[in-house]
Amino acid sequence: MNTGKIIGYIVAAILIFFGVLWLWSAGAIPNPGGRIVVGVLMVAIGLGIIVAIRLREPKPKQEVVIKQQLDIGGDVQVEQLKCQNCGAPLDKSAISVVQGAAMVNCPNCGTTYQIVEEPKW
């Protein structure tokens, strides 16, 4: 907590305390109108300071987790994936998802390309 907040909370507490005392003492005098107005103003200003301090606090950052899944429709026949350029066999570590597209990076020849699923009909 920084010094400005501490001073703000102290000033607000003092204003609220004396505002309540002012309102409480209004019953002891014959014409309490002025004390009631001053007491209400002091309490309102104190609460306003607290609200202003709370609104200026930075909001905690929320972590956003994006999870992508690749759904394959229809009948799937498992085949050995081979590089389109050199024909070397590829394993699952060669496949990654980049901006929503399945990409293959061949460790043998270094070629990078996108996997395109052709329609089956």
Protein backbone atom coordinates (compact mmCIF):
# COMPACT_ATOMS: atom_id res chain seq x y z
CA MET A 1 0.00 0.00 0.00
CA ASN A 2 1.50 3.33 -0.97
CA THR A 3 1.62 6.51 1.11
CA GLY A 4 -1.17 8.26 -0.79
CA LYS A 5 -3.63 5.50 -0.01
CA ILE A 6 -2.69 5.46 3.66
CA ILE A 7 -3.12 9.22 3.97
CA GLY A 8 -6.42 9.02 2.08
CA TYR A 9 -7.78 6.33 4.40
CA ILE A 10 -6.65 8.29 7.49
CA VAL A 11 -8.30 11.50 6.26
CA ALA A 12 -11.48 9.58 5.41
CA ALA A 13 -11.56 7.95 8.86
CA ILE A 14 -11.10 11.30 10.59
CA LEU A 15 -13.88 12.91 8.52
CA ILE A 16 -16.28 10.04 9.19
CA PHE A 17 -15.43 10.00 12.90
CA PHE A 18 -15.99 13.73 13.37
CA GLY A 19 -19.04 13.67 11.09
CA VAL A 20 -20.65 11.02 13.30
CA LEU A 21 -19.74 13.01 16.42
CA TRP A 22 -21.25 16.13 14.84
CA LEU A 23 -24.47 14.24 14.07
CA TRP A 24 -24.56 12.73 17.56
CA SER A 25 -24.11 16.12 19.21
CA ALA A 26 -26.93 17.66 17.13
CA GLY A 27 -29.48 16.31 19.59
CA ALA A 28 -27.98 18.32 22.46
CA ILE A 29 -28.69 21.79 21.04
CA PRO A 30 -32.03 23.52 20.39
CA ASN A 31 -31.45 24.28 16.65
CA PRO A 32 -29.54 21.24 15.23
CA GLY A 33 -29.98 22.01 11.49
CA GLY A 34 -26.46 23.31 10.89
CA ARG A 35 -24.80 20.44 12.76
CA ILE A 36 -26.79 17.85 10.88
CA VAL A 37 -25.80 19.34 7.52
CA VAL A 38 -22.12 19.56 8.48
CA GLY A 39 -22.15 16.02 9.96
CA VAL A 40 -23.76 14.53 6.86
CA LEU A 41 -21.30 16.37 4.59
CA MET A 42 -18.31 15.15 6.60
CA VAL A 43 -19.49 11.53 6.49
CA ALA A 44 -20.31 11.79 2.76
CA ILE A 45 -16.89 13.28 1.93
CA GLY A 46 -15.15 10.58 3.99
CA LEU A 47 -17.04 7.81 2.20
CA GLY A 48 -16.38 9.51 -1.14
CA ILE A 49 -12.64 9.48 -0.45
CA ILE A 50 -12.76 5.75 0.33
CA VAL A 51 -14.71 5.03 -2.86
CA ALA A 52 -12.26 7.13 -4.92
CA ILE A 53 -9.28 5.24 -3.47
CA ARG A 54 -10.91 1.87 -4.17
CA LEU A 55 -11.78 2.79 -7.77
CA ARG A 56 -8.20 3.85 -8.53
CA GLU A 57 -6.72 0.50 -7.46
CA PRO A 58 -5.41 -1.55 -10.37
CA LYS A 59 -7.45 -4.60 -11.17
CA PRO A 60 -5.67 -7.97 -10.99
CA LYS A 61 -4.66 -9.39 -14.33
CA GLN A 62 -6.56 -12.47 -15.39
CA GLU A 63 -4.79 -15.27 -17.15
CA VAL A 64 -6.37 -16.43 -20.38
CA VAL A 65 -5.80 -20.04 -21.40
CA ILE A 66 -6.60 -20.99 -24.98
CA LYS A 67 -6.96 -24.69 -25.68
CA GLN A 68 -7.11 -25.91 -29.26
CA GLN A 69 -8.29 -29.35 -30.28
CA LEU A 70 -8.21 -31.02 -33.65
CA ASP A 71 -11.43 -32.96 -34.28
CA ILE A 72 -11.31 -35.47 -37.11
CA GLY A 73 -14.68 -36.39 -38.54
CA GLY A 74 -15.72 -39.61 -40.25
CA ASP A 75 -13.83 -42.88 -40.39
CA VAL A 76 -10.15 -42.52 -39.63
CA GLN A 77 -7.55 -44.88 -40.98
CA VAL A 78 -4.21 -44.54 -39.26
CA GLU A 79 -1.38 -44.20 -41.75
CA GLN A 80 2.28 -43.40 -41.34
CA LEU A 81 2.71 -39.68 -41.98
CA LYS A 82 5.49 -38.95 -44.46
CA CYS A 83 7.08 -35.65 -45.48
CA GLN A 84 5.70 -34.29 -48.74
CA ASN A 85 9.17 -33.06 -49.73
CA CYS A 86 11.61 -35.87 -48.86
CA GLY A 87 9.32 -38.80 -47.91
CA ALA A 88 10.88 -39.26 -44.45
CA PRO A 89 8.56 -40.74 -41.78
CA LEU A 90 7.24 -38.17 -39.30
CA ASP A 91 6.13 -38.59 -35.69
CA LYS A 92 3.78 -36.50 -33.54
CA SER A 93 6.56 -34.12 -32.43
CA ALA A 94 6.78 -32.84 -36.03
CA ILE A 95 3.17 -31.60 -35.93
CA SER A 96 2.16 -28.34 -34.24
CA VAL A 97 -0.81 -25.99 -34.31
CA VAL A 98 0.03 -22.47 -35.49
CA GLN A 99 -2.78 -19.88 -35.55
CA GLY A 100 -5.39 -22.63 -35.73
CA ALA A 101 -3.77 -24.60 -38.60
CA ALA A 102 -2.02 -27.97 -38.28
CA MET A 103 1.58 -27.48 -39.46
CA VAL A 104 4.28 -30.08 -40.14
CA ASN A 105 7.98 -29.33 -39.69
CA CYS A 106 10.13 -32.12 -41.11
CA PRO A 107 13.20 -32.70 -38.91
CA ASN A 108 14.97 -34.43 -41.82
CA CYS A 109 14.84 -31.77 -44.57
CA GLY A 110 13.50 -28.75 -42.61
CA THR A 111 10.43 -28.25 -44.81
CA THR A 112 7.38 -26.65 -43.16
CA TYR A 113 3.91 -27.02 -44.62
CA GLN A 114 0.27 -27.08 -43.60
CA ILE A 115 -1.72 -30.32 -43.38
CA VAL A 116 -4.73 -30.04 -45.65
CA GLU A 117 -7.56 -32.56 -45.27
CA GLU A 118 -9.19 -33.28 -48.59
CA PRO A 119 -12.90 -34.18 -48.70
CA LYS A 120 -13.62 -37.93 -48.82
CA TRP A 121 -16.51 -37.83 -51.31
